[in-house]
Amino acid sequence: MHKKIKSFLNKFGFHVEPHEQAKVFDVVCGMEVSLARIKHTITYNKEQYHFCSDSCRDHFKRDPQKYAGS
């Protein structure tokens, strides 16, 4: 986000988090992972799932219904 816009929004009490700080949870192990560092994702039933490692991604692949709650 442009620095001037961010500064303007901050003046009025709006906190804008950069994308690098956004976090998601790995549905297999429950670990909180930064979106900026995610390398392992799967799209299942039109929803994207993020994983901390290839191991967690592989567990999900073996039984996606277990983790996706389908």
C-alpha atoms as a PDB file:
ATOM      1  CA  MET A   1       0.000   0.000   0.000  1.00  0.00           C
ATOM      2  CA  HIS A   2       1.211   3.471  -0.811  1.00  0.00           C
ATOM      3  CA  LYS A   3       2.950   5.157   2.143  1.00  0.00           C
ATOM      4  CA  LYS A   4       0.814   8.362   1.974  1.00  0.00           C
ATOM      5  CA  ILE A   5      -2.464   6.439   1.978  1.00  0.00           C
ATOM      6  CA  LYS A   6      -1.312   4.323   4.915  1.00  0.00           C
ATOM      7  CA  SER A   7      -0.311   7.452   6.847  1.00  0.00           C
ATOM      8  CA  PHE A   8      -3.664   9.097   6.098  1.00  0.00           C
ATOM      9  CA  LEU A   9      -5.627   6.058   7.295  1.00  0.00           C
ATOM     10  CA  ASN A  10      -3.518   5.807  10.466  1.00  0.00           C
ATOM     11  CA  LYS A  11      -4.420   9.414  11.358  1.00  0.00           C
ATOM     12  CA  PHE A  12      -8.067   8.399  11.543  1.00  0.00           C
ATOM     13  CA  GLY A  13      -7.460   5.288  13.611  1.00  0.00           C
ATOM     14  CA  PHE A  14      -7.409   2.729  10.831  1.00  0.00           C
ATOM     15  CA  HIS A  15      -4.635   0.197  11.227  1.00  0.00           C
ATOM     16  CA  VAL A  16      -3.559  -1.298   7.933  1.00  0.00           C
ATOM     17  CA  GLU A  17      -1.568  -4.519   8.185  1.00  0.00           C
ATOM     18  CA  PRO A  18       0.784  -5.263   5.357  1.00  0.00           C
ATOM     19  CA  HIS A  19       0.187  -8.527   3.497  1.00  0.00           C
ATOM     20  CA  GLU A  20       3.459  -9.870   4.914  1.00  0.00           C
ATOM     21  CA  GLN A  21       1.963  -9.849   8.420  1.00  0.00           C
ATOM     22  CA  ALA A  22      -1.280 -11.598   7.491  1.00  0.00           C
ATOM     23  CA  LYS A  23      -1.491 -15.043   9.079  1.00  0.00           C
ATOM     24  CA  VAL A  24      -3.422 -18.220   8.386  1.00  0.00           C
ATOM     25  CA  PHE A  25      -3.660 -21.562  10.169  1.00  0.00           C
ATOM     26  CA  ASP A  26      -2.491 -24.893   8.824  1.00  0.00           C
ATOM     27  CA  VAL A  27      -5.603 -27.116   9.117  1.00  0.00           C
ATOM     28  CA  VAL A  28      -3.491 -30.242   9.677  1.00  0.00           C
ATOM     29  CA  CYS A  29      -1.196 -29.223  12.552  1.00  0.00           C
ATOM     30  CA  GLY A  30      -2.834 -25.947  13.664  1.00  0.00           C
ATOM     31  CA  MET A  31       0.344 -23.930  13.207  1.00  0.00           C
ATOM     32  CA  GLU A  32      -0.031 -20.219  12.458  1.00  0.00           C
ATOM     33  CA  VAL A  33       1.768 -19.381   9.191  1.00  0.00           C
ATOM     34  CA  SER A  34       2.569 -16.030   7.595  1.00  0.00           C
ATOM     35  CA  LEU A  35       0.933 -15.660   4.170  1.00  0.00           C
ATOM     36  CA  ALA A  36       4.150 -14.140   2.843  1.00  0.00           C
ATOM     37  CA  ARG A  37       6.084 -17.336   3.654  1.00  0.00           C
ATOM     38  CA  ILE A  38       3.624 -19.970   2.489  1.00  0.00           C
ATOM     39  CA  LYS A  39       4.979 -22.338  -0.128  1.00  0.00           C
ATOM     40  CA  HIS A  40       2.476 -25.181   0.208  1.00  0.00           C
ATOM     41  CA  THR A  41      -1.168 -24.707  -0.832  1.00  0.00           C
ATOM     42  CA  ILE A  42      -4.005 -26.823  -2.173  1.00  0.00           C
ATOM     43  CA  THR A  43      -7.358 -25.834  -3.606  1.00  0.00           C
ATOM     44  CA  TYR A  44     -10.081 -28.229  -2.478  1.00  0.00           C
ATOM     45  CA  ASN A  45     -13.800 -27.697  -3.139  1.00  0.00           C
ATOM     46  CA  LYS A  46     -13.025 -24.200  -4.475  1.00  0.00           C
ATOM     47  CA  GLU A  47     -11.339 -23.215  -1.191  1.00  0.00           C
ATOM     48  CA  GLN A  48      -7.633 -22.647  -0.744  1.00  0.00           C
ATOM     49  CA  TYR A  49      -5.776 -24.360   2.117  1.00  0.00           C
ATOM     50  CA  HIS A  50      -2.307 -23.346   3.303  1.00  0.00           C
ATOM     51  CA  PHE A  51       0.266 -25.565   4.994  1.00  0.00           C
ATOM     52  CA  CYS A  52       3.444 -25.043   6.988  1.00  0.00           C
ATOM     53  CA  SER A  53       5.239 -27.909   5.240  1.00  0.00           C
ATOM     54  CA  ASP A  54       5.007 -30.460   2.477  1.00  0.00           C
ATOM     55  CA  SER A  55       4.356 -33.095   5.139  1.00  0.00           C
ATOM     56  CA  CYS A  56       1.155 -31.372   6.315  1.00  0.00           C
ATOM     57  CA  ARG A  57       0.118 -30.823   2.694  1.00  0.00           C
ATOM     58  CA  ASP A  58       0.623 -34.555   2.002  1.00  0.00           C
ATOM     59  CA  HIS A  59      -1.488 -35.514   5.059  1.00  0.00           C
ATOM     60  CA  PHE A  60      -4.261 -33.292   3.719  1.00  0.00           C
ATOM     61  CA  LYS A  61      -3.986 -34.840   0.238  1.00  0.00           C
ATOM     62  CA  ARG A  62      -4.446 -38.343   1.680  1.00  0.00           C
ATOM     63  CA  ASP A  63      -7.697 -37.473   3.485  1.00  0.00           C
ATOM     64  CA  PRO A  64      -8.940 -33.952   2.626  1.00  0.00           C
ATOM     65  CA  GLN A  65     -12.412 -34.560   4.070  1.00  0.00           C
ATOM     66  CA  LYS A  66     -10.889 -35.172   7.505  1.00  0.00           C
ATOM     67  CA  TYR A  67      -9.323 -31.706   7.529  1.00  0.00           C
ATOM     68  CA  ALA A  68     -11.719 -29.693   5.386  1.00  0.00           C
ATOM     69  CA  GLY A  69     -14.752 -30.738   7.384  1.00  0.00           C
ATOM     70  CA  SER A  70     -16.610 -31.889   4.275  1.00  0.00           C
END
